[in-house]
Amino acid sequence: MALVIRDAKTGGDLSETEIKTHLKSFVDAGVISKFAIPDRIVFVDALPKTSVRKFNKKELREIYGNSRPILQRG
């Protein structure tokens, strides 16, 4: 999963498909691995930060950490 902050000044109207297609062009060129393309892209207004302006990873995990389906092994 990737979190993308929408910004009207720099292409705020991009879709998940457009981003994945752009990333796929780097895969085709051999620049990145196909596993670098996120399975899901979530658009957000902002990312939570700590009091010293670092990304608040704890809060991000609480909000988005359980968004991935759990695979059952049988």
C-alpha atoms as a PDB file:
ATOM      1  CA  MET A   1       0.000   0.000   0.000  1.00  0.00           C
ATOM      2  CA  ALA A   2       1.149   3.533  -0.746  1.00  0.00           C
ATOM      3  CA  LEU A   3      -0.170   6.759   0.737  1.00  0.00           C
ATOM      4  CA  VAL A   4      -0.292   9.649  -1.730  1.00  0.00           C
ATOM      5  CA  ILE A   5      -0.915  13.231  -0.684  1.00  0.00           C
ATOM      6  CA  ARG A   6      -3.077  15.024  -3.209  1.00  0.00           C
ATOM      7  CA  ASP A   7      -1.763  18.410  -4.290  1.00  0.00           C
ATOM      8  CA  ALA A   8      -3.826  20.478  -6.729  1.00  0.00           C
ATOM      9  CA  LYS A   9      -0.735  22.411  -7.860  1.00  0.00           C
ATOM     10  CA  THR A  10       1.145  19.306  -8.984  1.00  0.00           C
ATOM     11  CA  GLY A  11      -1.454  16.963 -10.435  1.00  0.00           C
ATOM     12  CA  GLY A  12      -4.073  16.507  -7.761  1.00  0.00           C
ATOM     13  CA  ASP A  13      -6.340  14.778 -10.250  1.00  0.00           C
ATOM     14  CA  LEU A  14      -4.160  11.686 -10.780  1.00  0.00           C
ATOM     15  CA  SER A  15      -5.853   8.330 -10.369  1.00  0.00           C
ATOM     16  CA  GLU A  16      -4.547   5.099  -8.897  1.00  0.00           C
ATOM     17  CA  THR A  17      -4.429   3.591 -12.395  1.00  0.00           C
ATOM     18  CA  GLU A  18      -2.392   6.490 -13.784  1.00  0.00           C
ATOM     19  CA  ILE A  19       0.165   6.187 -10.991  1.00  0.00           C
ATOM     20  CA  LYS A  20       0.473   2.419 -11.438  1.00  0.00           C
ATOM     21  CA  THR A  21       0.850   2.823 -15.218  1.00  0.00           C
ATOM     22  CA  HIS A  22       3.617   5.382 -14.686  1.00  0.00           C
ATOM     23  CA  LEU A  23       5.409   3.050 -12.260  1.00  0.00           C
ATOM     24  CA  LYS A  24       5.039   0.166 -14.715  1.00  0.00           C
ATOM     25  CA  SER A  25       7.015   2.158 -17.281  1.00  0.00           C
ATOM     26  CA  PHE A  26       9.962   2.053 -14.839  1.00  0.00           C
ATOM     27  CA  VAL A  27       9.515  -1.704 -14.468  1.00  0.00           C
ATOM     28  CA  ASP A  28       9.540  -2.104 -18.247  1.00  0.00           C
ATOM     29  CA  ALA A  29      12.741  -0.021 -18.440  1.00  0.00           C
ATOM     30  CA  GLY A  30      14.381  -2.217 -15.774  1.00  0.00           C
ATOM     31  CA  VAL A  31      14.737   0.622 -13.294  1.00  0.00           C
ATOM     32  CA  ILE A  32      12.579  -0.896 -10.533  1.00  0.00           C
ATOM     33  CA  SER A  33      11.235  -4.344  -9.705  1.00  0.00           C
ATOM     34  CA  LYS A  34       7.603  -5.173 -10.368  1.00  0.00           C
ATOM     35  CA  PHE A  35       7.269  -5.728  -6.639  1.00  0.00           C
ATOM     36  CA  ALA A  36       7.903  -1.992  -6.115  1.00  0.00           C
ATOM     37  CA  ILE A  37       4.449  -1.207  -7.490  1.00  0.00           C
ATOM     38  CA  PRO A  38       2.024  -1.032  -4.561  1.00  0.00           C
ATOM     39  CA  ASP A  39      -1.050  -3.252  -4.677  1.00  0.00           C
ATOM     40  CA  ARG A  40      -3.154  -0.377  -3.367  1.00  0.00           C
ATOM     41  CA  ILE A  41      -2.835   3.404  -3.400  1.00  0.00           C
ATOM     42  CA  VAL A  42      -4.679   5.493  -0.821  1.00  0.00           C
ATOM     43  CA  PHE A  43      -5.087   9.226  -1.375  1.00  0.00           C
ATOM     44  CA  VAL A  44      -4.884  11.377   1.770  1.00  0.00           C
ATOM     45  CA  ASP A  45      -4.901  15.094   2.541  1.00  0.00           C
ATOM     46  CA  ALA A  46      -1.900  14.933   4.887  1.00  0.00           C
ATOM     47  CA  LEU A  47       0.245  12.513   6.876  1.00  0.00           C
ATOM     48  CA  PRO A  48       0.330  12.698  10.680  1.00  0.00           C
ATOM     49  CA  LYS A  49       3.528  14.136  12.140  1.00  0.00           C
ATOM     50  CA  THR A  50       5.092  14.193  15.573  1.00  0.00           C
ATOM     51  CA  SER A  51       5.908  17.319  17.568  1.00  0.00           C
ATOM     52  CA  VAL A  52       9.356  17.429  15.892  1.00  0.00           C
ATOM     53  CA  ARG A  53       7.745  17.225  12.417  1.00  0.00           C
ATOM     54  CA  LYS A  54       8.729  13.609  11.667  1.00  0.00           C
ATOM     55  CA  PHE A  55       6.159  11.247  10.206  1.00  0.00           C
ATOM     56  CA  ASN A  56       4.230   9.638  13.047  1.00  0.00           C
ATOM     57  CA  LYS A  57       4.771   5.992  12.107  1.00  0.00           C
ATOM     58  CA  LYS A  58       2.910   4.734  15.168  1.00  0.00           C
ATOM     59  CA  GLU A  59      -0.227   6.637  14.178  1.00  0.00           C
ATOM     60  CA  LEU A  60       0.137   5.566  10.539  1.00  0.00           C
ATOM     61  CA  ARG A  61       0.302   1.928  11.640  1.00  0.00           C
ATOM     62  CA  GLU A  62      -2.801   2.402  13.809  1.00  0.00           C
ATOM     63  CA  ILE A  63      -4.737   3.969  10.930  1.00  0.00           C
ATOM     64  CA  TYR A  64      -3.511   1.928   7.964  1.00  0.00           C
ATOM     65  CA  GLY A  65      -1.673  -1.049   9.452  1.00  0.00           C
ATOM     66  CA  ASN A  66      -4.616  -3.428   9.386  1.00  0.00           C
ATOM     67  CA  SER A  67      -5.851  -2.490   5.926  1.00  0.00           C
ATOM     68  CA  ARG A  68      -4.173  -5.454   4.280  1.00  0.00           C
ATOM     69  CA  PRO A  69      -6.154  -8.701   4.143  1.00  0.00           C
ATOM     70  CA  ILE A  70      -4.830 -11.527   6.283  1.00  0.00           C
ATOM     71  CA  LEU A  71      -3.972 -14.602   4.238  1.00  0.00           C
ATOM     72  CA  GLN A  72      -5.179 -17.865   5.693  1.00  0.00           C
ATOM     73  CA  ARG A  73      -2.813 -20.805   5.531  1.00  0.00           C
ATOM     74  CA  GLY A  74      -4.458 -24.137   5.310  1.00  0.00           C
END
